[in-house]
Protein backbone atom coordinates (compact mmCIF):
# COMPACT_ATOMS: atom_id res chain seq x y z
CA UNK A 1 83.06 130.65 126.35
CA UNK A 2 84.63 127.66 124.59
CA UNK A 3 85.07 124.48 126.63
CA UNK A 4 88.78 123.59 126.84
CA UNK A 5 87.92 119.99 125.97
CA UNK A 6 86.64 121.14 122.57
CA UNK A 7 89.88 122.93 121.66
CA UNK A 8 92.43 121.40 119.30
CA UNK A 9 96.03 122.28 118.59
CA UNK A 10 96.08 124.12 115.29
CA UNK A 11 98.43 121.67 113.58
CA UNK A 12 96.09 118.77 114.45
CA UNK A 13 93.05 120.76 113.34
CA UNK A 14 94.65 121.35 109.93
CA UNK A 15 95.84 117.75 109.65
CA UNK A 16 92.38 116.41 110.49
CA UNK A 17 90.93 118.16 107.44
CA UNK A 18 93.25 116.05 105.29
CA UNK A 19 95.07 119.17 104.05
CA UNK A 20 98.51 117.98 105.15
CA UNK A 21 100.40 116.22 107.95
CA UNK A 22 100.95 117.83 111.35
CA UNK A 23 104.59 118.37 110.56
CA UNK A 24 103.71 120.12 107.33
CA UNK A 25 101.07 122.16 109.17
CA UNK A 26 103.71 123.35 111.65
CA UNK A 27 105.86 124.57 108.76
CA UNK A 28 102.92 126.48 107.31
CA UNK A 29 102.20 128.07 110.70
CA UNK A 30 105.85 128.99 111.26
CA UNK A 31 105.99 130.67 107.84
CA UNK A 32 102.97 132.84 108.68
CA UNK A 33 100.69 131.24 106.09
CA UNK A 34 97.98 130.30 108.60
CA UNK A 35 95.41 132.72 110.03
CA UNK A 36 92.80 132.13 112.75
CA UNK A 37 89.87 134.52 112.68
CA UNK A 38 91.91 136.88 110.52
CA UNK A 39 95.02 136.90 112.73
CA UNK A 40 98.33 135.26 111.85
CA UNK A 41 98.59 132.16 114.03
CA UNK A 42 101.48 130.96 116.17
CA UNK A 43 102.73 127.40 116.67
CA UNK A 44 100.81 125.91 119.59
CA UNK A 45 97.67 127.95 118.97
CA UNK A 46 94.47 126.15 119.96
CA UNK A 47 91.24 126.44 117.99
CA UNK A 48 87.68 125.15 118.07
CA UNK A 49 85.32 124.05 115.31
CA UNK A 50 83.77 127.53 115.40
CA UNK A 51 87.03 129.29 114.49
CA UNK A 52 87.75 130.44 110.95
CA UNK A 53 91.07 128.91 109.86
CA UNK A 54 92.71 129.99 106.61
CA UNK A 55 95.79 128.50 104.96
CA UNK A 56 97.54 130.56 102.29
CA UNK A 57 94.50 132.84 102.12
CA UNK A 58 91.95 130.07 101.63
CA UNK A 59 89.54 128.73 104.29
CA UNK A 60 89.90 125.08 105.24
CA UNK A 61 87.21 122.73 104.05
CA UNK A 62 85.08 120.84 106.53
CA UNK A 63 86.71 117.79 108.06
CA UNK A 64 86.51 114.85 105.68
CA UNK A 65 84.91 111.57 106.54
CA UNK A 66 87.34 109.28 108.34
CA UNK A 67 88.68 106.68 105.92
CA UNK A 68 90.03 103.27 106.95
CA UNK A 69 91.07 100.95 104.15
CA UNK A 70 92.41 97.39 103.99
CA UNK A 71 94.59 96.92 100.90
CA UNK A 72 96.19 93.82 99.40
CA UNK A 73 99.53 95.32 98.40
CA UNK A 74 101.14 93.62 95.41
CA UNK A 75 104.84 92.86 95.09
CA UNK A 76 106.56 95.85 93.50
CA UNK A 77 104.52 98.58 95.20
CA UNK A 78 106.44 100.92 97.54
CA UNK A 79 104.75 102.07 100.77
CA UNK A 80 105.45 105.77 100.41
CA UNK A 81 103.34 108.87 99.78
CA UNK A 82 106.11 110.46 97.70
CA UNK A 83 104.34 110.68 94.36
CA UNK A 84 107.57 111.10 92.40
CA UNK A 85 108.52 107.52 93.31
CA UNK A 86 107.30 105.13 90.64
CA UNK A 87 104.96 102.46 91.99
CA UNK A 88 104.05 104.38 95.18
CA UNK A 89 101.13 103.07 97.17
CA UNK A 90 99.01 106.22 96.78
CA UNK A 91 98.98 105.96 92.98
CA UNK A 92 98.36 102.21 93.23
CA UNK A 93 95.27 102.57 95.43
CA UNK A 94 93.88 105.57 93.49
CA UNK A 95 91.67 106.67 96.37
CA UNK A 96 89.96 110.04 95.69
CA UNK A 97 90.98 111.57 99.05
CA UNK A 98 94.38 112.10 100.70
CA UNK A 99 95.33 108.94 102.61
CA UNK A 100 98.56 107.40 103.86
CA UNK A 101 99.70 103.91 104.89
CA UNK A 102 100.04 102.73 108.48
CA UNK A 103 103.47 101.15 108.67
CA UNK A 104 105.07 99.36 105.73
CA UNK A 105 105.52 96.20 103.76
CA UNK A 106 108.72 96.16 101.75
CA UNK A 107 108.63 96.28 97.97
CA UNK A 108 109.31 92.54 97.59
CA UNK A 109 106.45 91.56 99.93
CA UNK A 110 102.69 91.43 99.44
CA UNK A 111 99.68 91.37 101.69
CA UNK A 112 97.54 93.37 104.08
CA UNK A 113 98.25 97.00 104.89
CA UNK A 114 95.99 99.72 106.28
CA UNK A 115 95.59 103.19 104.77
CA UNK A 116 93.81 106.08 106.45
CA UNK A 117 93.44 109.84 106.81
CA UNK A 118 93.25 109.54 110.61
CA UNK A 119 96.58 110.49 112.19
CA UNK A 120 95.45 109.54 115.70
CA UNK A 121 94.91 105.89 114.85
CA UNK A 122 98.29 105.84 113.12
CA UNK A 123 99.93 106.98 116.36
CA UNK A 124 98.16 104.33 118.41
CA UNK A 125 98.97 101.41 116.11
CA UNK A 126 102.60 102.41 115.64
CA UNK A 127 103.28 103.23 119.30
CA UNK A 128 106.15 101.10 120.57
CA UNK A 129 105.05 98.44 123.04
CA UNK A 130 101.47 98.09 121.88
CA UNK A 131 102.14 94.45 120.97
CA UNK A 132 99.56 94.23 118.21
CA UNK A 133 99.60 90.95 116.25
CA UNK A 134 100.66 90.82 112.61
CA UNK A 135 100.51 87.42 110.91
CA UNK A 136 102.54 86.36 107.87
CA UNK A 137 102.79 83.35 105.59
CA UNK A 138 106.41 82.85 104.56
CA UNK A 139 107.99 80.58 101.94
CA UNK A 140 111.72 79.81 102.09
CA UNK A 141 114.21 78.26 99.67
CA UNK A 142 114.98 75.06 101.61
CA UNK A 143 112.99 72.41 103.48
CA UNK A 144 112.04 73.52 107.00
CA UNK A 145 113.00 71.40 110.02
CA UNK A 146 111.92 71.42 113.67
CA UNK A 147 115.09 73.19 114.76
CA UNK A 148 114.36 76.10 112.45
CA UNK A 149 110.81 76.49 113.80
CA UNK A 150 111.96 76.36 117.42
CA UNK A 151 114.75 78.90 116.90
CA UNK A 152 112.48 81.32 115.02
CA UNK A 153 109.91 81.08 117.80
CA UNK A 154 112.43 81.50 120.63
CA UNK A 155 114.10 84.63 119.27
CA UNK A 156 116.90 85.36 116.80
CA UNK A 157 119.80 87.81 117.23
CA UNK A 158 119.49 90.56 114.59
CA UNK A 159 120.13 94.31 114.52
CA UNK A 160 122.04 94.23 117.80
CA UNK A 161 119.08 92.76 119.69
CA UNK A 162 117.21 89.46 120.03
CA UNK A 163 113.72 89.24 118.56
CA UNK A 164 110.88 88.65 120.97
CA UNK A 165 109.47 85.11 121.30
CA UNK A 166 106.71 84.59 118.75
CA UNK A 167 104.31 82.00 117.41
CA UNK A 168 105.68 80.01 114.45
CA UNK A 169 103.85 77.10 112.79
CA UNK A 170 105.05 74.96 109.89
CA UNK A 171 102.45 74.75 107.09
CA UNK A 172 104.30 72.74 104.44
CA UNK A 173 107.80 71.60 103.49
CA UNK A 174 108.89 75.16 102.63
CA UNK A 175 106.20 77.34 104.23
CA UNK A 176 105.47 78.57 107.76
CA UNK A 177 103.17 81.01 109.55
CA UNK A 178 104.62 83.57 111.95
CA UNK A 179 102.82 86.02 114.24
CA UNK A 180 104.93 89.04 115.20
CA UNK A 181 104.47 91.71 117.83
CA UNK A 182 107.44 93.70 116.61
CA UNK A 183 108.23 95.73 113.51
CA UNK A 184 112.00 95.60 113.15
CA UNK A 185 113.52 96.49 109.81
CA UNK A 186 113.03 93.51 107.45
CA UNK A 187 112.62 91.37 110.55
CA UNK A 188 111.42 88.09 109.06
CA UNK A 189 113.96 88.16 106.24
CA UNK A 190 116.80 88.88 108.66
CA UNK A 191 115.65 86.12 111.04
CA UNK A 192 115.51 83.48 108.33
CA UNK A 193 118.84 84.58 106.84
CA UNK A 194 120.51 84.27 110.23
CA UNK A 195 119.35 80.63 110.32
CA UNK A 196 120.63 79.92 106.80
CA UNK A 197 117.39 80.29 104.82
CA UNK A 198 116.22 82.85 102.25
CA UNK A 199 112.66 84.12 101.86
CA UNK A 200 111.20 83.48 98.39
CA UNK A 201 107.69 84.75 99.18
CA UNK A 202 106.29 86.79 102.09
CA UNK A 203 102.61 87.64 102.53
CA UNK A 204 100.99 89.45 105.49
CA UNK A 205 97.58 87.89 106.05
CA UNK A 206 96.38 89.59 109.24
CA UNK A 207 96.79 92.80 111.24
CA UNK A 208 95.19 92.57 114.68
CA UNK A 209 91.54 91.56 114.02
CA UNK A 210 91.54 92.28 110.27
CA UNK A 211 92.30 89.52 107.78
CA UNK A 212 93.41 89.62 104.15
CA UNK A 213 91.00 86.86 103.10
CA UNK A 214 88.64 87.94 100.31
CA UNK A 215 90.91 90.62 98.86
CA UNK A 216 92.61 89.84 95.57
CA UNK A 217 96.05 91.27 94.86
CA UNK A 218 95.70 95.01 94.23
CA UNK A 219 92.19 95.25 95.68
CA UNK A 220 91.13 97.39 98.66
CA UNK A 221 88.01 97.72 100.78
CA UNK A 222 86.82 99.85 103.66
CA UNK A 223 87.02 98.30 107.11
CA UNK A 224 83.61 97.19 108.34
CA UNK A 225 81.85 98.72 111.33
CA UNK A 226 82.46 95.49 113.23
CA UNK A 227 86.18 95.51 112.41
CA UNK A 228 86.54 99.16 113.45
CA UNK A 229 84.66 98.55 116.71
CA UNK A 230 86.91 95.63 117.61
CA UNK A 231 90.05 97.49 116.53
CA UNK A 232 89.15 100.57 118.59
CA UNK A 233 88.55 98.33 121.61
CA UNK A 234 92.04 96.86 121.21
CA UNK A 235 93.48 100.36 121.00
CA UNK A 236 91.76 101.67 124.15
CA UNK A 237 94.90 101.14 126.22
CA UNK A 238 97.12 102.67 123.54
CA UNK A 239 98.40 106.21 123.91
CA UNK A 240 100.19 108.67 121.67
CA UNK A 241 103.86 109.34 122.28
CA UNK A 242 106.44 111.74 120.92
CA UNK A 243 108.05 108.85 119.07
CA UNK A 244 104.73 107.92 117.45
CA UNK A 245 104.09 111.51 116.44
CA UNK A 246 107.45 111.61 114.68
CA UNK A 247 106.57 108.37 112.92
CA UNK A 248 103.29 109.87 111.75
CA UNK A 249 105.16 112.69 110.07
CA UNK A 250 107.57 110.20 108.56
CA UNK A 251 104.70 108.38 106.89
CA UNK A 252 104.82 111.07 104.23
CA UNK A 253 108.38 110.02 103.35
CA UNK A 254 109.74 106.59 104.32
CA UNK A 255 109.39 104.17 107.24
CA UNK A 256 111.48 101.09 108.04
CA UNK A 257 110.11 97.87 106.57
CA UNK A 258 108.14 95.81 109.05
CA UNK A 259 108.79 92.37 107.67
């Protein structure tokens, strides 16, 4: 008898092989293209590693190795998995297995972004309220003054809300560091514009415990064991939500810009 703890929802089981997203897996199941042990499966079916799962008449391959990449996204690359879009991040990285980005950096921005084939970690990082740090170095078109730094740090009214208080530090006449725990649409650009400044360069240099340092523009590397251990510890209190699951599916199309 199979232990209930070792059972997986069929859509997750398919997604974990890297074949497709959970949303896409649901569509395949609904259309009758998925069989479990020779029987047409239903949405919500649970399976174990011992079950024989076929999609469109072909057995699924063994689960791939979990992949976690840190990538220095250049300006001009779009964070989408839609291959028909010129300059998409998947073509730019050229990784040999199916991977997708966690969150976004807009096309005009550069810096650190994660890519993975692990949908669970995507859910945990994107889940609203997790308050995970993301650090940026921002250059603006005019000299920065103390009032600008204080207002950015205190919170700025954008998108019918007020941004959460954050850490802002002036680095030079036109450059500042900002650490966000939010991911509102084009947040930093909207904040600076509200205060009468325009961003001329935006680079994300850190996500949680992982830093961009050492990666040239366009380069990627796998996260180290130490980085993954620390990251997983930070995510222990995170949980998956319906909203996060929807976001995971949306990673295969478009997500709002985070900066």
